[in-house]
Amino acid sequence: METLRCCPEKLTSEDFEEVKKIYTDEKVRRYLGGITPEEHVDGSRYEIVTTI
């Protein structure tokens, strides 16, 4: 999927800390079933970066 304004790139391990902020941000996660505990996000590091 690509548009003139949106050109997603494959995530890398360097992106993990920024992605982690999305999973643990209460304002963002309010509409996505609540925040994910930080230790769960840390434990899923490989899966998060390789499946998104």
N, C-alpha and C. Protein backbone atom coordinates (compact mmCIF):
# COMPACT_ATOMS: atom_id res chain seq x y z
N MET A 1 0.84 -1.16 0.00
CA MET A 1 0.00 0.00 0.00
C MET A 1 0.90 1.24 0.00
N GLU A 2 0.61 2.15 -0.89
CA GLU A 2 1.38 3.39 -0.95
C GLU A 2 0.51 4.47 -1.57
N THR A 3 0.60 5.66 -1.02
CA THR A 3 -0.09 6.81 -1.58
C THR A 3 0.94 7.93 -1.73
N LEU A 4 0.51 9.05 -2.24
CA LEU A 4 1.42 10.19 -2.39
C LEU A 4 1.92 10.69 -1.04
N ARG A 5 1.11 10.54 0.01
CA ARG A 5 1.47 11.05 1.33
C ARG A 5 1.92 9.98 2.31
N CYS A 6 1.74 8.73 1.94
CA CYS A 6 2.06 7.64 2.86
C CYS A 6 2.87 6.59 2.12
N CYS A 7 4.07 6.39 2.59
CA CYS A 7 4.97 5.43 1.96
C CYS A 7 5.62 4.57 3.06
N PRO A 8 4.87 3.57 3.56
CA PRO A 8 5.39 2.77 4.68
C PRO A 8 6.65 1.99 4.31
N GLU A 9 7.50 1.81 5.29
CA GLU A 9 8.73 1.04 5.10
C GLU A 9 8.71 -0.11 6.08
N LYS A 10 9.42 -1.17 5.77
CA LYS A 10 9.53 -2.31 6.65
C LYS A 10 10.26 -1.90 7.93
N LEU A 11 9.74 -2.32 9.07
CA LEU A 11 10.37 -1.99 10.34
C LEU A 11 11.66 -2.76 10.54
N THR A 12 12.57 -2.15 11.28
CA THR A 12 13.82 -2.81 11.63
C THR A 12 13.96 -2.78 13.15
N SER A 13 14.94 -3.47 13.66
CA SER A 13 15.14 -3.49 15.11
C SER A 13 15.42 -2.09 15.66
N GLU A 14 15.94 -1.20 14.84
CA GLU A 14 16.21 0.17 15.29
C GLU A 14 14.90 0.94 15.54
N ASP A 15 13.79 0.47 14.98
CA ASP A 15 12.49 1.13 15.13
C ASP A 15 11.76 0.71 16.40
N PHE A 16 12.26 -0.30 17.09
CA PHE A 16 11.51 -0.90 18.19
C PHE A 16 11.12 0.09 19.28
N GLU A 17 12.00 0.95 19.71
CA GLU A 17 11.68 1.87 20.81
C GLU A 17 10.54 2.80 20.42
N GLU A 18 10.47 3.23 19.17
CA GLU A 18 9.37 4.09 18.72
C GLU A 18 8.07 3.31 18.64
N VAL A 19 8.12 2.08 18.17
CA VAL A 19 6.93 1.24 18.11
C VAL A 19 6.44 0.93 19.53
N LYS A 20 7.35 0.72 20.43
CA LYS A 20 7.01 0.44 21.82
C LYS A 20 6.18 1.58 22.43
N LYS A 21 6.51 2.80 22.06
CA LYS A 21 5.76 3.96 22.56
C LYS A 21 4.29 3.87 22.15
N ILE A 22 4.01 3.37 20.96
CA ILE A 22 2.63 3.23 20.49
C ILE A 22 1.89 2.20 21.33
N TYR A 23 2.54 1.08 21.61
CA TYR A 23 1.91 0.01 22.38
C TYR A 23 1.67 0.38 23.83
N THR A 24 2.45 1.29 24.37
CA THR A 24 2.33 1.63 25.79
C THR A 24 1.72 3.01 26.04
N ASP A 25 1.28 3.70 25.00
CA ASP A 25 0.69 5.03 25.14
C ASP A 25 -0.81 4.90 25.42
N GLU A 26 -1.24 5.37 26.58
CA GLU A 26 -2.63 5.24 26.99
C GLU A 26 -3.60 5.94 26.03
N LYS A 27 -3.22 7.10 25.52
CA LYS A 27 -4.10 7.84 24.60
C LYS A 27 -4.30 7.08 23.29
N VAL A 28 -3.25 6.48 22.79
CA VAL A 28 -3.34 5.72 21.53
C VAL A 28 -4.12 4.43 21.77
N ARG A 29 -3.77 3.72 22.82
CA ARG A 29 -4.33 2.39 23.06
C ARG A 29 -5.76 2.41 23.61
N ARG A 30 -6.25 3.58 23.97
CA ARG A 30 -7.63 3.69 24.46
C ARG A 30 -8.60 3.08 23.46
N TYR A 31 -8.32 3.22 22.18
CA TYR A 31 -9.21 2.74 21.12
C TYR A 31 -8.79 1.38 20.58
N LEU A 32 -7.76 0.80 21.16
CA LEU A 32 -7.23 -0.47 20.66
C LEU A 32 -7.17 -1.53 21.74
N GLY A 33 -8.06 -1.42 22.72
CA GLY A 33 -8.13 -2.45 23.75
C GLY A 33 -7.27 -2.22 24.98
N GLY A 34 -6.74 -1.03 25.16
CA GLY A 34 -5.93 -0.73 26.34
C GLY A 34 -4.44 -0.91 26.09
N ILE A 35 -3.66 -0.41 27.03
CA ILE A 35 -2.21 -0.47 26.86
C ILE A 35 -1.71 -1.90 27.02
N THR A 36 -0.59 -2.18 26.40
CA THR A 36 0.08 -3.46 26.52
C THR A 36 1.17 -3.29 27.55
N PRO A 37 1.24 -4.18 28.55
CA PRO A 37 2.28 -4.04 29.57
C PRO A 37 3.68 -4.00 28.94
N GLU A 38 4.51 -3.11 29.44
CA GLU A 38 5.84 -2.91 28.87
C GLU A 38 6.65 -4.21 28.81
N GLU A 39 6.54 -5.05 29.83
CA GLU A 39 7.31 -6.29 29.81
C GLU A 39 6.82 -7.24 28.72
N HIS A 40 5.54 -7.16 28.36
CA HIS A 40 5.01 -7.98 27.27
C HIS A 40 5.54 -7.47 25.93
N VAL A 41 5.58 -6.15 25.78
CA VAL A 41 6.12 -5.56 24.54
C VAL A 41 7.59 -5.93 24.39
N ASP A 42 8.36 -5.81 25.48
CA ASP A 42 9.78 -6.17 25.43
C ASP A 42 9.96 -7.64 25.05
N GLY A 43 9.10 -8.51 25.57
CA GLY A 43 9.19 -9.93 25.28
C GLY A 43 8.79 -10.26 23.86
N SER A 44 8.03 -9.39 23.22
CA SER A 44 7.56 -9.61 21.85
C SER A 44 8.36 -8.82 20.84
N ARG A 45 9.50 -8.32 21.23
CA ARG A 45 10.31 -7.44 20.37
C ARG A 45 10.49 -7.98 18.97
N TYR A 46 10.93 -9.23 18.83
CA TYR A 46 11.19 -9.81 17.52
C TYR A 46 9.91 -9.89 16.69
N GLU A 47 8.83 -10.36 17.31
CA GLU A 47 7.57 -10.50 16.58
C GLU A 47 7.03 -9.15 16.11
N ILE A 48 7.12 -8.14 16.94
CA ILE A 48 6.61 -6.82 16.58
C ILE A 48 7.34 -6.27 15.37
N VAL A 49 8.64 -6.36 15.38
CA VAL A 49 9.44 -5.77 14.29
C VAL A 49 9.31 -6.59 13.00
N THR A 50 9.12 -7.88 13.09
CA THR A 50 9.09 -8.70 11.87
C THR A 50 7.70 -8.89 11.29
N THR A 51 6.63 -8.58 12.03
CA THR A 51 5.30 -8.83 11.51
C THR A 51 4.55 -7.57 11.11
N ILE A 52 5.03 -6.42 11.47
CA ILE A 52 4.34 -5.18 11.12
C ILE A 52 4.81 -4.71 9.77
